[in-house]
């Protein structure tokens, strides 16, 4: 497939819907797992993977056209790589055709590509995907359940031992790069406020 754009305008007619939609954690799953977190007194961490899509390899041949200033900037960034491919397009604007090797924000299949990579990584790390929600995974660690649920690149992680939560965060950072993480009793997650301040209880508010 060639000639796709990063804003999605020319992609929908060539990519089947089932190949462009990534599973997303349900609100019910977030609430249920949060109740379990509270009742079991789990340590909870919320983390975001800033460059998530760029960690996923493309599974198709995709060419992107860069024009004008964007093409020039890429050549300046790595002239030894791109200078020889720089051409002239419409209105005498610089033009550069590049093949995508990594998933790109704006490409319709990127979320699904990253979902598949993350599921594979979690399974390799010993997690089992929940049969009722494909964005919830569990693993028994030291006799206690660890739970990870996610919406694209936003994850909620919990376990009774905060050291084990730290360990998986370190593994995630090693796997995907720098994370943005919050620890503590009150979290903002997917438009919800999860407040674990009262032992054994969770207060869930909607933003």
Protein backbone atom coordinates (compact mmCIF):
# COMPACT_ATOMS: atom_id res chain seq x y z
CA UNK A 1 0.00 0.00 0.00
CA UNK A 2 1.49 3.32 -1.01
CA UNK A 3 0.60 6.96 -0.70
CA UNK A 4 -1.02 6.90 2.72
CA UNK A 5 -1.03 10.11 4.74
CA UNK A 6 -0.38 10.59 8.44
CA UNK A 7 -3.76 12.26 9.05
CA UNK A 8 -5.79 9.23 7.96
CA UNK A 9 -7.69 10.89 5.10
CA UNK A 10 -6.62 8.44 2.40
CA UNK A 11 -6.33 5.30 4.51
CA UNK A 12 -9.91 4.31 5.34
CA UNK A 13 -10.72 3.06 1.85
CA UNK A 14 -7.75 0.68 1.81
CA UNK A 15 -7.61 -0.66 5.39
CA UNK A 16 -10.42 -2.95 6.58
CA UNK A 17 -12.07 -1.79 9.80
CA UNK A 18 -11.08 -4.97 11.63
CA UNK A 19 -7.42 -4.21 10.86
CA UNK A 20 -7.64 -0.63 12.12
CA UNK A 21 -9.38 -1.02 15.47
CA UNK A 22 -7.50 -1.86 18.65
CA UNK A 23 -9.26 -3.34 21.69
CA UNK A 24 -9.70 -0.89 24.57
CA UNK A 25 -10.23 -1.64 28.23
CA UNK A 26 -13.85 -1.27 29.30
CA UNK A 27 -14.93 1.18 31.99
CA UNK A 28 -16.42 -1.80 33.85
CA UNK A 29 -13.05 -3.55 33.89
CA UNK A 30 -11.31 -0.45 35.26
CA UNK A 31 -13.91 -0.16 38.02
CA UNK A 32 -13.93 -3.87 38.91
CA UNK A 33 -10.13 -4.13 39.03
CA UNK A 34 -10.02 -0.95 41.14
CA UNK A 35 -12.45 -2.48 43.65
CA UNK A 36 -10.20 -5.56 43.83
CA UNK A 37 -7.16 -3.29 44.25
CA UNK A 38 -8.85 -1.59 47.21
CA UNK A 39 -10.14 -4.74 48.91
CA UNK A 40 -6.76 -6.46 48.65
CA UNK A 41 -4.83 -3.34 49.64
CA UNK A 42 -2.80 -3.35 46.46
CA UNK A 43 -0.22 -0.79 45.47
CA UNK A 44 -1.44 0.93 42.30
CA UNK A 45 0.60 2.65 39.61
CA UNK A 46 -0.60 4.49 36.54
CA UNK A 47 1.88 4.76 33.70
CA UNK A 48 1.98 6.13 30.19
CA UNK A 49 4.29 5.03 27.37
CA UNK A 50 5.03 8.32 25.51
CA UNK A 51 6.53 6.80 22.35
CA UNK A 52 4.40 3.67 22.34
CA UNK A 53 3.65 3.35 18.64
CA UNK A 54 7.27 3.84 17.62
CA UNK A 55 8.15 0.63 19.47
CA UNK A 56 5.91 -1.43 17.16
CA UNK A 57 7.17 -2.72 13.80
CA UNK A 58 5.08 -2.24 10.67
CA UNK A 59 3.51 -5.38 9.24
CA UNK A 60 2.87 -3.94 5.78
CA UNK A 61 4.65 -1.98 3.07
CA UNK A 62 3.64 1.65 3.65
CA UNK A 63 5.07 4.68 1.86
CA UNK A 64 4.58 8.18 3.23
CA UNK A 65 5.06 11.35 1.20
CA UNK A 66 6.80 14.27 2.90
CA UNK A 67 6.58 17.63 1.19
CA UNK A 68 7.98 21.10 1.65
CA UNK A 69 9.51 22.07 4.98
CA UNK A 70 9.00 18.62 6.49
CA UNK A 71 11.01 16.98 3.71
CA UNK A 72 13.77 19.57 4.09
CA UNK A 73 13.92 19.10 7.87
CA UNK A 74 14.31 15.34 7.52
CA UNK A 75 17.15 15.80 5.03
CA UNK A 76 18.86 18.23 7.41
CA UNK A 77 18.49 15.75 10.24
CA UNK A 78 20.21 12.94 8.32
CA UNK A 79 21.51 14.28 5.02
CA UNK A 80 23.74 11.26 4.48
CA UNK A 81 20.63 9.07 4.41
CA UNK A 82 17.96 11.18 2.70
CA UNK A 83 19.68 13.80 0.50
CA UNK A 84 19.97 11.49 -2.50
CA UNK A 85 16.24 10.73 -2.39
CA UNK A 86 15.03 14.33 -2.21
CA UNK A 87 13.06 15.32 -5.28
CA UNK A 88 10.80 18.10 -6.53
CA UNK A 89 7.02 17.77 -6.46
CA UNK A 90 4.04 20.02 -7.08
CA UNK A 91 4.69 23.76 -7.15
CA UNK A 92 8.42 22.97 -7.11
CA UNK A 93 8.21 21.93 -3.46
CA UNK A 94 10.79 19.47 -2.10
CA UNK A 95 9.34 15.98 -1.86
CA UNK A 96 10.57 12.83 -0.16
CA UNK A 97 9.10 9.33 -0.25
CA UNK A 98 9.86 7.23 2.83
CA UNK A 99 8.96 3.72 3.87
CA UNK A 100 7.60 3.38 7.39
CA UNK A 101 9.46 0.82 9.48
CA UNK A 102 7.70 1.68 12.75
CA UNK A 103 4.08 2.42 13.55
CA UNK A 104 3.32 6.13 13.27
CA UNK A 105 0.78 8.24 15.16
CA UNK A 106 -1.99 8.92 12.66
CA UNK A 107 -1.59 5.64 10.79
CA UNK A 108 -4.83 3.72 11.29
CA UNK A 109 -3.24 0.38 12.14
CA UNK A 110 -0.75 1.75 14.67
CA UNK A 111 -2.87 1.18 17.78
CA UNK A 112 -3.55 -2.42 16.79
CA UNK A 113 0.11 -3.05 15.97
CA UNK A 114 1.11 -1.76 19.39
CA UNK A 115 -1.64 -3.78 21.07
CA UNK A 116 -0.34 -6.98 19.49
CA UNK A 117 3.22 -6.18 20.55
CA UNK A 118 2.22 -5.43 24.12
CA UNK A 119 0.12 -8.59 24.42
CA UNK A 120 3.03 -10.64 23.13
CA UNK A 121 5.41 -8.97 25.59
CA UNK A 122 3.06 -9.49 28.55
CA UNK A 123 2.48 -13.14 27.68
CA UNK A 124 6.21 -13.70 27.36
CA UNK A 125 6.55 -12.14 30.82
CA UNK A 126 4.09 -14.67 32.23
CA UNK A 127 0.77 -12.82 32.06
CA UNK A 128 -2.49 -14.37 30.90
CA UNK A 129 -5.02 -12.25 29.02
CA UNK A 130 -8.42 -12.08 30.69
CA UNK A 131 -10.98 -14.00 28.58
CA UNK A 132 -13.65 -11.36 29.22
CA UNK A 133 -11.61 -8.25 28.44
CA UNK A 134 -8.65 -8.37 26.02
CA UNK A 135 -7.09 -5.34 27.70
CA UNK A 136 -6.75 -6.92 31.14
CA UNK A 137 -3.95 -9.34 32.01
CA UNK A 138 -3.12 -11.18 35.22
CA UNK A 139 -0.10 -12.97 36.65
CA UNK A 140 0.50 -14.70 39.96
CA UNK A 141 3.57 -13.19 41.64
CA UNK A 142 4.68 -14.58 45.01
CA UNK A 143 1.29 -16.20 45.46
CA UNK A 144 -0.64 -12.98 44.81
CA UNK A 145 -2.31 -11.71 41.67
CA UNK A 146 -0.82 -8.84 39.69
CA UNK A 147 -3.16 -7.08 37.28
CA UNK A 148 -2.41 -4.87 34.30
CA UNK A 149 -5.15 -3.14 32.34
CA UNK A 150 -4.60 -0.69 29.52
CA UNK A 151 -6.08 1.71 27.04
CA UNK A 152 -3.65 2.03 24.13
CA UNK A 153 -0.54 3.40 25.92
CA UNK A 154 -2.08 4.14 29.35
CA UNK A 155 -1.67 1.34 31.89
CA UNK A 156 -2.94 0.63 35.39
CA UNK A 157 -0.80 -1.84 37.33
CA UNK A 158 -1.50 -3.32 40.78
CA UNK A 159 -0.12 -5.85 43.26
CA UNK A 160 -0.06 -6.10 47.05
CA UNK A 161 3.74 -5.74 47.06
CA UNK A 162 4.87 -2.30 45.88
CA UNK A 163 8.31 -3.73 45.12
CA UNK A 164 6.74 -6.03 42.52
CA UNK A 165 4.96 -3.07 40.95
CA UNK A 166 8.32 -1.31 40.77
CA UNK A 167 9.85 -4.36 39.09
CA UNK A 168 7.28 -4.46 36.30
CA UNK A 169 7.61 -0.72 35.77
CA UNK A 170 11.35 -1.21 35.35
CA UNK A 171 10.67 -4.03 32.87
CA UNK A 172 8.23 -1.84 30.92
CA UNK A 173 10.77 0.97 30.76
CA UNK A 174 13.44 -1.43 29.54
CA UNK A 175 11.03 -2.76 26.91
CA UNK A 176 9.40 0.46 25.68
CA UNK A 177 11.56 3.34 26.85
CA UNK A 178 10.98 6.11 29.36
CA UNK A 179 7.62 6.06 31.15
CA UNK A 180 5.48 8.72 32.81
CA UNK A 181 4.31 7.14 36.06
CA UNK A 182 2.30 8.16 39.10
CA UNK A 183 2.32 6.27 42.39
CA UNK A 184 0.29 6.89 45.52
CA UNK A 185 -3.33 6.77 46.67
CA UNK A 186 -5.04 9.07 44.16
CA UNK A 187 -4.80 8.64 40.40
CA UNK A 188 -6.24 10.12 37.23
CA UNK A 189 -6.95 7.38 34.70
CA UNK A 190 -9.00 7.54 31.49
CA UNK A 191 -11.14 10.41 32.66
CA UNK A 192 -11.66 8.87 36.09
CA UNK A 193 -10.30 9.79 39.48
CA UNK A 194 -9.37 6.66 41.47
CA UNK A 195 -9.04 7.50 45.15
CA UNK A 196 -7.66 4.72 47.39
CA UNK A 197 -7.11 6.98 50.41
CA UNK A 198 -9.54 5.04 52.61
CA UNK A 199 -8.22 1.56 53.37
CA UNK A 200 -10.32 -1.15 51.73
CA UNK A 201 -12.32 1.33 49.65
CA UNK A 202 -12.01 3.15 46.35
CA UNK A 203 -13.85 6.31 45.37
CA UNK A 204 -14.33 6.67 41.63
CA UNK A 205 -15.13 10.07 40.18
CA UNK A 206 -15.63 11.11 36.59
CA UNK A 207 -13.76 14.13 35.26
